[in-house]
Amino acid sequence: MNITEIIGICAGILTTISFLPQVILIFKTKHTKDLSLGMFVMFTAGITLWLVYGISIGSFSIIAANGVTFFLSLYILIMKIIHG
């Protein structure tokens, strides 16, 4: 494994887990008023496309990172729709 791959793996891990603090906060408080619905709709759609792309080219790293991010983003989106 070279430095470029290590940087890519670290970037994927950090950007994926960056949603965890927001997910945990929403889970505890059910407060989503200040979140932008439009942003999470577009973001989740974009992540879905990244996931489809990763699957189509057979890239495990793209599939893994965007698969986890998809579910975290989807949770936030659903909670935003439910709690406003």
N, C-alpha and C. Protein backbone atom coordinates (compact mmCIF):
# COMPACT_ATOMS: atom_id res chain seq x y z
N MET A 1 0.86 -1.18 0.00
CA MET A 1 0.00 0.00 0.00
C MET A 1 0.91 1.24 0.00
N ASN A 2 0.63 2.15 -0.93
CA ASN A 2 1.45 3.35 -1.01
C ASN A 2 0.77 4.53 -0.32
N ILE A 3 1.46 5.64 -0.24
CA ILE A 3 0.97 6.82 0.48
C ILE A 3 -0.31 7.37 -0.14
N THR A 4 -0.43 7.29 -1.45
CA THR A 4 -1.63 7.78 -2.13
C THR A 4 -2.86 6.97 -1.71
N GLU A 5 -2.71 5.67 -1.62
CA GLU A 5 -3.82 4.82 -1.18
C GLU A 5 -4.18 5.09 0.28
N ILE A 6 -3.17 5.29 1.11
CA ILE A 6 -3.40 5.60 2.53
C ILE A 6 -4.16 6.91 2.67
N ILE A 7 -3.76 7.91 1.90
CA ILE A 7 -4.45 9.21 1.93
C ILE A 7 -5.90 9.03 1.49
N GLY A 8 -6.13 8.26 0.44
CA GLY A 8 -7.49 8.02 -0.04
C GLY A 8 -8.35 7.30 0.98
N ILE A 9 -7.79 6.30 1.63
CA ILE A 9 -8.52 5.56 2.66
C ILE A 9 -8.86 6.47 3.83
N CYS A 10 -7.88 7.26 4.28
CA CYS A 10 -8.12 8.19 5.40
C CYS A 10 -9.19 9.22 5.03
N ALA A 11 -9.14 9.73 3.81
CA ALA A 11 -10.14 10.70 3.36
C ALA A 11 -11.53 10.07 3.36
N GLY A 12 -11.64 8.86 2.86
CA GLY A 12 -12.93 8.16 2.84
C GLY A 12 -13.48 7.92 4.23
N ILE A 13 -12.62 7.50 5.14
CA ILE A 13 -13.05 7.25 6.52
C ILE A 13 -13.51 8.54 7.19
N LEU A 14 -12.70 9.59 7.07
CA LEU A 14 -13.04 10.85 7.74
C LEU A 14 -14.31 11.48 7.19
N THR A 15 -14.47 11.50 5.87
CA THR A 15 -15.68 12.11 5.32
C THR A 15 -16.91 11.28 5.62
N THR A 16 -16.74 9.98 5.73
CA THR A 16 -17.88 9.11 6.06
C THR A 16 -18.30 9.29 7.51
N ILE A 17 -17.34 9.24 8.43
CA ILE A 17 -17.70 9.34 9.85
C ILE A 17 -18.02 10.76 10.28
N SER A 18 -17.77 11.73 9.41
CA SER A 18 -18.08 13.12 9.77
C SER A 18 -19.57 13.33 10.02
N PHE A 19 -20.41 12.43 9.53
CA PHE A 19 -21.85 12.54 9.75
C PHE A 19 -22.28 11.98 11.10
N LEU A 20 -21.44 11.20 11.73
CA LEU A 20 -21.83 10.57 13.00
C LEU A 20 -22.22 11.56 14.10
N PRO A 21 -21.48 12.65 14.31
CA PRO A 21 -21.91 13.59 15.36
C PRO A 21 -23.32 14.14 15.11
N GLN A 22 -23.65 14.43 13.86
CA GLN A 22 -24.98 14.95 13.55
C GLN A 22 -26.04 13.87 13.75
N VAL A 23 -25.75 12.66 13.32
CA VAL A 23 -26.69 11.55 13.50
C VAL A 23 -26.95 11.30 14.98
N ILE A 24 -25.90 11.28 15.78
CA ILE A 24 -26.04 11.06 17.23
C ILE A 24 -26.85 12.18 17.87
N LEU A 25 -26.57 13.43 17.49
CA LEU A 25 -27.31 14.57 18.04
C LEU A 25 -28.79 14.49 17.68
N ILE A 26 -29.09 14.19 16.44
CA ILE A 26 -30.49 14.07 16.01
C ILE A 26 -31.17 12.90 16.73
N PHE A 27 -30.46 11.79 16.89
CA PHE A 27 -31.01 10.63 17.57
C PHE A 27 -31.39 10.99 19.01
N LYS A 28 -30.53 11.76 19.67
CA LYS A 28 -30.78 12.12 21.07
C LYS A 28 -31.85 13.19 21.22
N THR A 29 -31.82 14.20 20.36
CA THR A 29 -32.69 15.37 20.55
C THR A 29 -33.92 15.39 19.65
N LYS A 30 -33.88 14.67 18.54
CA LYS A 30 -34.94 14.70 17.52
C LYS A 30 -35.10 16.10 16.93
N HIS A 31 -34.09 16.95 17.09
CA HIS A 31 -34.15 18.33 16.61
C HIS A 31 -33.47 18.44 15.24
N THR A 32 -34.25 18.85 14.23
CA THR A 32 -33.72 18.99 12.88
C THR A 32 -34.12 20.32 12.23
N LYS A 33 -34.70 21.21 13.01
CA LYS A 33 -35.25 22.45 12.47
C LYS A 33 -34.23 23.26 11.67
N ASP A 34 -33.00 23.31 12.13
CA ASP A 34 -32.00 24.16 11.49
C ASP A 34 -31.28 23.50 10.32
N LEU A 35 -31.64 22.27 9.99
CA LEU A 35 -31.02 21.59 8.86
C LEU A 35 -31.78 21.90 7.58
N SER A 36 -31.06 22.03 6.49
CA SER A 36 -31.68 22.31 5.19
C SER A 36 -32.17 21.02 4.54
N LEU A 37 -33.47 20.94 4.31
CA LEU A 37 -34.05 19.77 3.65
C LEU A 37 -33.50 19.64 2.23
N GLY A 38 -33.45 20.75 1.51
CA GLY A 38 -32.95 20.73 0.13
C GLY A 38 -31.53 20.21 0.03
N MET A 39 -30.69 20.62 0.97
CA MET A 39 -29.30 20.18 0.97
C MET A 39 -29.23 18.67 1.16
N PHE A 40 -29.99 18.13 2.11
CA PHE A 40 -29.92 16.69 2.36
C PHE A 40 -30.58 15.87 1.26
N VAL A 41 -31.59 16.41 0.59
CA VAL A 41 -32.16 15.73 -0.57
C VAL A 41 -31.11 15.63 -1.68
N MET A 42 -30.47 16.75 -1.99
CA MET A 42 -29.46 16.75 -3.05
C MET A 42 -28.24 15.91 -2.67
N PHE A 43 -27.81 16.02 -1.42
CA PHE A 43 -26.65 15.27 -0.97
C PHE A 43 -26.91 13.76 -1.04
N THR A 44 -28.07 13.34 -0.56
CA THR A 44 -28.41 11.91 -0.57
C THR A 44 -28.52 11.41 -2.01
N ALA A 45 -29.08 12.22 -2.90
CA ALA A 45 -29.14 11.84 -4.32
C ALA A 45 -27.73 11.71 -4.90
N GLY A 46 -26.86 12.64 -4.57
CA GLY A 46 -25.48 12.58 -5.04
C GLY A 46 -24.75 11.35 -4.53
N ILE A 47 -24.93 11.05 -3.26
CA ILE A 47 -24.30 9.86 -2.67
C ILE A 47 -24.84 8.60 -3.34
N THR A 48 -26.13 8.59 -3.65
CA THR A 48 -26.72 7.44 -4.35
C THR A 48 -26.04 7.24 -5.70
N LEU A 49 -25.81 8.33 -6.41
CA LEU A 49 -25.13 8.23 -7.71
C LEU A 49 -23.69 7.75 -7.55
N TRP A 50 -22.99 8.23 -6.52
CA TRP A 50 -21.63 7.74 -6.25
C TRP A 50 -21.64 6.24 -5.96
N LEU A 51 -22.65 5.80 -5.23
CA LEU A 51 -22.78 4.38 -4.90
C LEU A 51 -23.02 3.55 -6.17
N VAL A 52 -23.91 4.02 -7.03
CA VAL A 52 -24.17 3.34 -8.30
C VAL A 52 -22.90 3.31 -9.15
N TYR A 53 -22.19 4.43 -9.18
CA TYR A 53 -20.93 4.50 -9.93
C TYR A 53 -19.92 3.49 -9.38
N GLY A 54 -19.77 3.45 -8.06
CA GLY A 54 -18.84 2.51 -7.45
C GLY A 54 -19.17 1.07 -7.77
N ILE A 55 -20.46 0.76 -7.74
CA ILE A 55 -20.91 -0.60 -8.08
C ILE A 55 -20.61 -0.90 -9.55
N SER A 56 -20.87 0.08 -10.42
CA SER A 56 -20.70 -0.15 -11.86
C SER A 56 -19.23 -0.35 -12.25
N ILE A 57 -18.30 0.26 -11.51
CA ILE A 57 -16.88 0.05 -11.83
C ILE A 57 -16.22 -0.97 -10.91
N GLY A 58 -16.98 -1.48 -9.94
CA GLY A 58 -16.46 -2.50 -9.04
C GLY A 58 -15.42 -1.99 -8.06
N SER A 59 -15.57 -0.75 -7.60
CA SER A 59 -14.61 -0.16 -6.67
C SER A 59 -15.09 -0.33 -5.23
N PHE A 60 -14.45 -1.24 -4.51
CA PHE A 60 -14.85 -1.50 -3.13
C PHE A 60 -14.77 -0.25 -2.26
N SER A 61 -13.72 0.56 -2.43
CA SER A 61 -13.57 1.74 -1.57
C SER A 61 -14.68 2.75 -1.81
N ILE A 62 -15.08 2.95 -3.05
CA ILE A 62 -16.18 3.87 -3.35
C ILE A 62 -17.49 3.31 -2.83
N ILE A 63 -17.70 2.01 -3.01
CA ILE A 63 -18.93 1.38 -2.53
C ILE A 63 -19.01 1.45 -1.01
N ALA A 64 -17.93 1.13 -0.32
CA ALA A 64 -17.93 1.11 1.14
C ALA A 64 -18.18 2.50 1.72
N ALA A 65 -17.40 3.47 1.27
CA ALA A 65 -17.53 4.83 1.81
C ALA A 65 -18.90 5.41 1.53
N ASN A 66 -19.36 5.28 0.30
CA ASN A 66 -20.65 5.88 -0.05
C ASN A 66 -21.83 5.07 0.44
N GLY A 67 -21.66 3.78 0.62
CA GLY A 67 -22.72 2.96 1.20
C GLY A 67 -23.01 3.37 2.63
N VAL A 68 -21.97 3.53 3.43
CA VAL A 68 -22.15 3.96 4.82
C VAL A 68 -22.68 5.39 4.86
N THR A 69 -22.09 6.28 4.05
CA THR A 69 -22.54 7.67 4.02
C THR A 69 -23.99 7.77 3.59
N PHE A 70 -24.41 6.93 2.65
CA PHE A 70 -25.80 6.92 2.19
C PHE A 70 -26.75 6.67 3.36
N PHE A 71 -26.47 5.66 4.16
CA PHE A 71 -27.37 5.33 5.26
C PHE A 71 -27.37 6.40 6.35
N LEU A 72 -26.21 7.01 6.62
CA LEU A 72 -26.17 8.10 7.60
C LEU A 72 -26.96 9.30 7.09
N SER A 73 -26.75 9.65 5.83
CA SER A 73 -27.46 10.78 5.23
C SER A 73 -28.96 10.50 5.12
N LEU A 74 -29.31 9.27 4.77
CA LEU A 74 -30.72 8.91 4.66
C LEU A 74 -31.40 9.02 6.02
N TYR A 75 -30.73 8.61 7.09
CA TYR A 75 -31.29 8.74 8.44
C TYR A 75 -31.57 10.21 8.74
N ILE A 76 -30.59 11.08 8.46
CA ILE A 76 -30.78 12.50 8.72
C ILE A 76 -31.94 13.03 7.88
N LEU A 77 -32.01 12.65 6.62
CA LEU A 77 -33.08 13.10 5.73
C LEU A 77 -34.45 12.65 6.24
N ILE A 78 -34.57 11.40 6.63
CA ILE A 78 -35.85 10.89 7.14
C ILE A 78 -36.24 11.62 8.42
N MET A 79 -35.29 11.82 9.31
CA MET A 79 -35.59 12.53 10.56
C MET A 79 -35.99 13.98 10.28
N LYS A 80 -35.37 14.59 9.29
CA LYS A 80 -35.73 15.96 8.91
C LYS A 80 -37.17 15.99 8.40
N ILE A 81 -37.55 15.03 7.59
CA ILE A 81 -38.92 14.97 7.06
C ILE A 81 -39.92 14.73 8.19
N ILE A 82 -39.58 13.83 9.11
CA ILE A 82 -40.49 13.51 10.22
C ILE A 82 -40.61 14.66 11.21
N HIS A 83 -39.48 15.25 11.58
CA HIS A 83 -39.47 16.24 12.66
C HIS A 83 -39.42 17.69 12.19
N GLY A 84 -39.32 17.90 10.88
CA GLY A 84 -39.36 19.25 10.33
C GLY A 84 -38.18 20.07 10.52
